[in-house]
Amino acid sequence: VEPKDVDIGVFGMSTSLQIGTRLVDPLIIKRILQGKI
């Protein structure tokens, strides 16, 4: 857990969105790369 996550953790929902984004990022990057190739 990074300090930034702790600060944003105060809002709760923002943390959930960040965690979700981090989990989805690799998939999005793969899709973008596949789309470009």
PDB file of N, CA and C in Angstrom:
ATOM      1  N   VAL A   1       0.851  -1.208   0.000  1.00  0.00           N
ATOM      2  CA  VAL A   1       0.000   0.000   0.000  1.00  0.00           C
ATOM      3  C   VAL A   1       0.873   1.241   0.000  1.00  0.00           C
ATOM      4  N   GLU A   2       0.627   2.122  -0.961  1.00  0.00           N
ATOM      5  CA  GLU A   2       1.420   3.349  -1.065  1.00  0.00           C
ATOM      6  C   GLU A   2       0.767   4.472  -0.270  1.00  0.00           C
ATOM      7  N   PRO A   3       1.559   5.438   0.177  1.00  0.00           N
ATOM      8  CA  PRO A   3       1.038   6.590   0.933  1.00  0.00           C
ATOM      9  C   PRO A   3      -0.118   7.269   0.212  1.00  0.00           C
ATOM     10  N   LYS A   4      -0.020   7.358  -1.103  1.00  0.00           N
ATOM     11  CA  LYS A   4      -1.081   8.009  -1.881  1.00  0.00           C
ATOM     12  C   LYS A   4      -2.398   7.265  -1.687  1.00  0.00           C
ATOM     13  N   ASP A   5      -2.319   5.922  -1.650  1.00  0.00           N
ATOM     14  CA  ASP A   5      -3.537   5.123  -1.474  1.00  0.00           C
ATOM     15  C   ASP A   5      -4.149   5.407  -0.112  1.00  0.00           C
ATOM     16  N   VAL A   6      -3.290   5.597   0.899  1.00  0.00           N
ATOM     17  CA  VAL A   6      -3.783   5.860   2.254  1.00  0.00           C
ATOM     18  C   VAL A   6      -4.495   7.206   2.287  1.00  0.00           C
ATOM     19  N   ASP A   7      -3.896   8.221   1.648  1.00  0.00           N
ATOM     20  CA  ASP A   7      -4.510   9.556   1.628  1.00  0.00           C
ATOM     21  C   ASP A   7      -5.865   9.504   0.932  1.00  0.00           C
ATOM     22  N   ILE A   8      -5.917   8.838  -0.209  1.00  0.00           N
ATOM     23  CA  ILE A   8      -7.165   8.763  -0.974  1.00  0.00           C
ATOM     24  C   ILE A   8      -8.138   7.817  -0.271  1.00  0.00           C
ATOM     25  N   GLY A   9      -7.588   6.925   0.565  1.00  0.00           N
ATOM     26  CA  GLY A   9      -8.418   5.955   1.285  1.00  0.00           C
ATOM     27  C   GLY A   9      -9.473   6.636   2.142  1.00  0.00           C
ATOM     28  N   VAL A  10      -9.217   7.894   2.510  1.00  0.00           N
ATOM     29  CA  VAL A  10     -10.184   8.632   3.336  1.00  0.00           C
ATOM     30  C   VAL A  10     -11.517   8.725   2.610  1.00  0.00           C
ATOM     31  N   PHE A  11     -11.480   8.779   1.302  1.00  0.00           N
ATOM     32  CA  PHE A  11     -12.716   8.916   0.520  1.00  0.00           C
ATOM     33  C   PHE A  11     -13.351   7.549   0.239  1.00  0.00           C
ATOM     34  N   GLY A  12     -12.581   6.491   0.476  1.00  0.00           N
ATOM     35  CA  GLY A  12     -13.142   5.138   0.331  1.00  0.00           C
ATOM     36  C   GLY A  12     -13.435   4.780  -1.121  1.00  0.00           C
ATOM     37  N   MET A  13     -14.431   5.420  -1.694  1.00  0.00           N
ATOM     38  CA  MET A  13     -14.816   5.110  -3.075  1.00  0.00           C
ATOM     39  C   MET A  13     -13.651   5.358  -4.020  1.00  0.00           C
ATOM     40  N   SER A  14     -12.918   6.432  -3.783  1.00  0.00           N
ATOM     41  CA  SER A  14     -11.778   6.757  -4.645  1.00  0.00           C
ATOM     42  C   SER A  14     -10.767   5.620  -4.597  1.00  0.00           C
ATOM     43  N   THR A  15     -10.568   5.054  -3.391  1.00  0.00           N
ATOM     44  CA  THR A  15      -9.622   3.945  -3.247  1.00  0.00           C
ATOM     45  C   THR A  15     -10.103   2.754  -4.073  1.00  0.00           C
ATOM     46  N   SER A  16     -11.383   2.456  -3.979  1.00  0.00           N
ATOM     47  CA  SER A  16     -11.940   1.332  -4.731  1.00  0.00           C
ATOM     48  C   SER A  16     -11.739   1.553  -6.225  1.00  0.00           C
ATOM     49  N   LEU A  17     -11.956   2.786  -6.673  1.00  0.00           N
ATOM     50  CA  LEU A  17     -11.790   3.100  -8.093  1.00  0.00           C
ATOM     51  C   LEU A  17     -10.331   2.930  -8.487  1.00  0.00           C
ATOM     52  N   GLN A  18      -9.422   3.373  -7.617  1.00  0.00           N
ATOM     53  CA  GLN A  18      -7.991   3.258  -7.929  1.00  0.00           C
ATOM     54  C   GLN A  18      -7.593   1.796  -8.005  1.00  0.00           C
ATOM     55  N   ILE A  19      -8.029   1.008  -7.016  1.00  0.00           N
ATOM     56  CA  ILE A  19      -7.691  -0.418  -7.004  1.00  0.00           C
ATOM     57  C   ILE A  19      -8.247  -1.078  -8.263  1.00  0.00           C
ATOM     58  N   GLY A  20      -9.494  -0.754  -8.604  1.00  0.00           N
ATOM     59  CA  GLY A  20     -10.109  -1.332  -9.799  1.00  0.00           C
ATOM     60  C   GLY A  20      -9.344  -0.931 -11.047  1.00  0.00           C
ATOM     61  N   THR A  21      -8.925   0.336 -11.084  1.00  0.00           N
ATOM     62  CA  THR A  21      -8.186   0.828 -12.247  1.00  0.00           C
ATOM     63  C   THR A  21      -6.858   0.101 -12.368  1.00  0.00           C
ATOM     64  N   ARG A  22      -6.193  -0.116 -11.248  1.00  0.00           N
ATOM     65  CA  ARG A  22      -4.887  -0.787 -11.285  1.00  0.00           C
ATOM     66  C   ARG A  22      -5.041  -2.216 -11.769  1.00  0.00           C
ATOM     67  N   LEU A  23      -6.143  -2.861 -11.395  1.00  0.00           N
ATOM     68  CA  LEU A  23      -6.366  -4.246 -11.812  1.00  0.00           C
ATOM     69  C   LEU A  23      -6.729  -4.318 -13.289  1.00  0.00           C
ATOM     70  N   VAL A  24      -7.421  -3.292 -13.772  1.00  0.00           N
ATOM     71  CA  VAL A  24      -7.885  -3.298 -15.165  1.00  0.00           C
ATOM     72  C   VAL A  24      -6.827  -2.753 -16.122  1.00  0.00           C
ATOM     73  N   ASP A  25      -5.955  -1.872 -15.608  1.00  0.00           N
ATOM     74  CA  ASP A  25      -4.935  -1.255 -16.470  1.00  0.00           C
ATOM     75  C   ASP A  25      -4.218  -2.249 -17.379  1.00  0.00           C
ATOM     76  N   PRO A  26      -3.667  -3.345 -16.825  1.00  0.00           N
ATOM     77  CA  PRO A  26      -2.951  -4.303 -17.680  1.00  0.00           C
ATOM     78  C   PRO A  26      -3.837  -4.822 -18.806  1.00  0.00           C
ATOM     79  N   LEU A  27      -5.105  -5.066 -18.511  1.00  0.00           N
ATOM     80  CA  LEU A  27      -6.017  -5.569 -19.544  1.00  0.00           C
ATOM     81  C   LEU A  27      -6.241  -4.508 -20.606  1.00  0.00           C
ATOM     82  N   ILE A  28      -6.415  -3.257 -20.169  1.00  0.00           N
ATOM     83  CA  ILE A  28      -6.639  -2.168 -21.123  1.00  0.00           C
ATOM     84  C   ILE A  28      -5.403  -1.994 -22.000  1.00  0.00           C
ATOM     85  N   ILE A  29      -4.226  -2.047 -21.367  1.00  0.00           N
ATOM     86  CA  ILE A  29      -2.977  -1.881 -22.127  1.00  0.00           C
ATOM     87  C   ILE A  29      -2.862  -2.992 -23.166  1.00  0.00           C
ATOM     88  N   LYS A  30      -3.181  -4.219 -22.759  1.00  0.00           N
ATOM     89  CA  LYS A  30      -3.102  -5.347 -23.692  1.00  0.00           C
ATOM     90  C   LYS A  30      -4.065  -5.131 -24.852  1.00  0.00           C
ATOM     91  N   ARG A  31      -5.276  -4.666 -24.533  1.00  0.00           N
ATOM     92  CA  ARG A  31      -6.279  -4.445 -25.588  1.00  0.00           C
ATOM     93  C   ARG A  31      -5.816  -3.360 -26.540  1.00  0.00           C
ATOM     94  N   ILE A  32      -5.224  -2.296 -25.967  1.00  0.00           N
ATOM     95  CA  ILE A  32      -4.749  -1.193 -26.809  1.00  0.00           C
ATOM     96  C   ILE A  32      -3.616  -1.680 -27.713  1.00  0.00           C
ATOM     97  N   LEU A  33      -2.695  -2.454 -27.124  1.00  0.00           N
ATOM     98  CA  LEU A  33      -1.569  -2.962 -27.914  1.00  0.00           C
ATOM     99  C   LEU A  33      -2.088  -3.888 -29.008  1.00  0.00           C
ATOM    100  N   GLN A  34      -3.035  -4.746 -28.664  1.00  0.00           N
ATOM    101  CA  GLN A  34      -3.591  -5.670 -29.652  1.00  0.00           C
ATOM    102  C   GLN A  34      -4.300  -4.894 -30.751  1.00  0.00           C
ATOM    103  N   GLY A  35      -4.957  -3.803 -30.368  1.00  0.00           N
ATOM    104  CA  GLY A  35      -5.685  -3.003 -31.352  1.00  0.00           C
ATOM    105  C   GLY A  35      -4.731  -2.279 -32.293  1.00  0.00           C
ATOM    106  N   LYS A  36      -3.566  -1.866 -31.767  1.00  0.00           N
ATOM    107  CA  LYS A  36      -2.596  -1.144 -32.600  1.00  0.00           C
ATOM    108  C   LYS A  36      -1.855  -2.101 -33.514  1.00  0.00           C
ATOM    109  N   ILE A  37      -1.603  -3.318 -32.993  1.00  0.00           N
ATOM    110  CA  ILE A  37      -0.837  -4.277 -33.795  1.00  0.00           C
ATOM    111  C   ILE A  37      -1.726  -4.851 -34.899  1.00  0.00           C
TER     112      ILE A  37
END
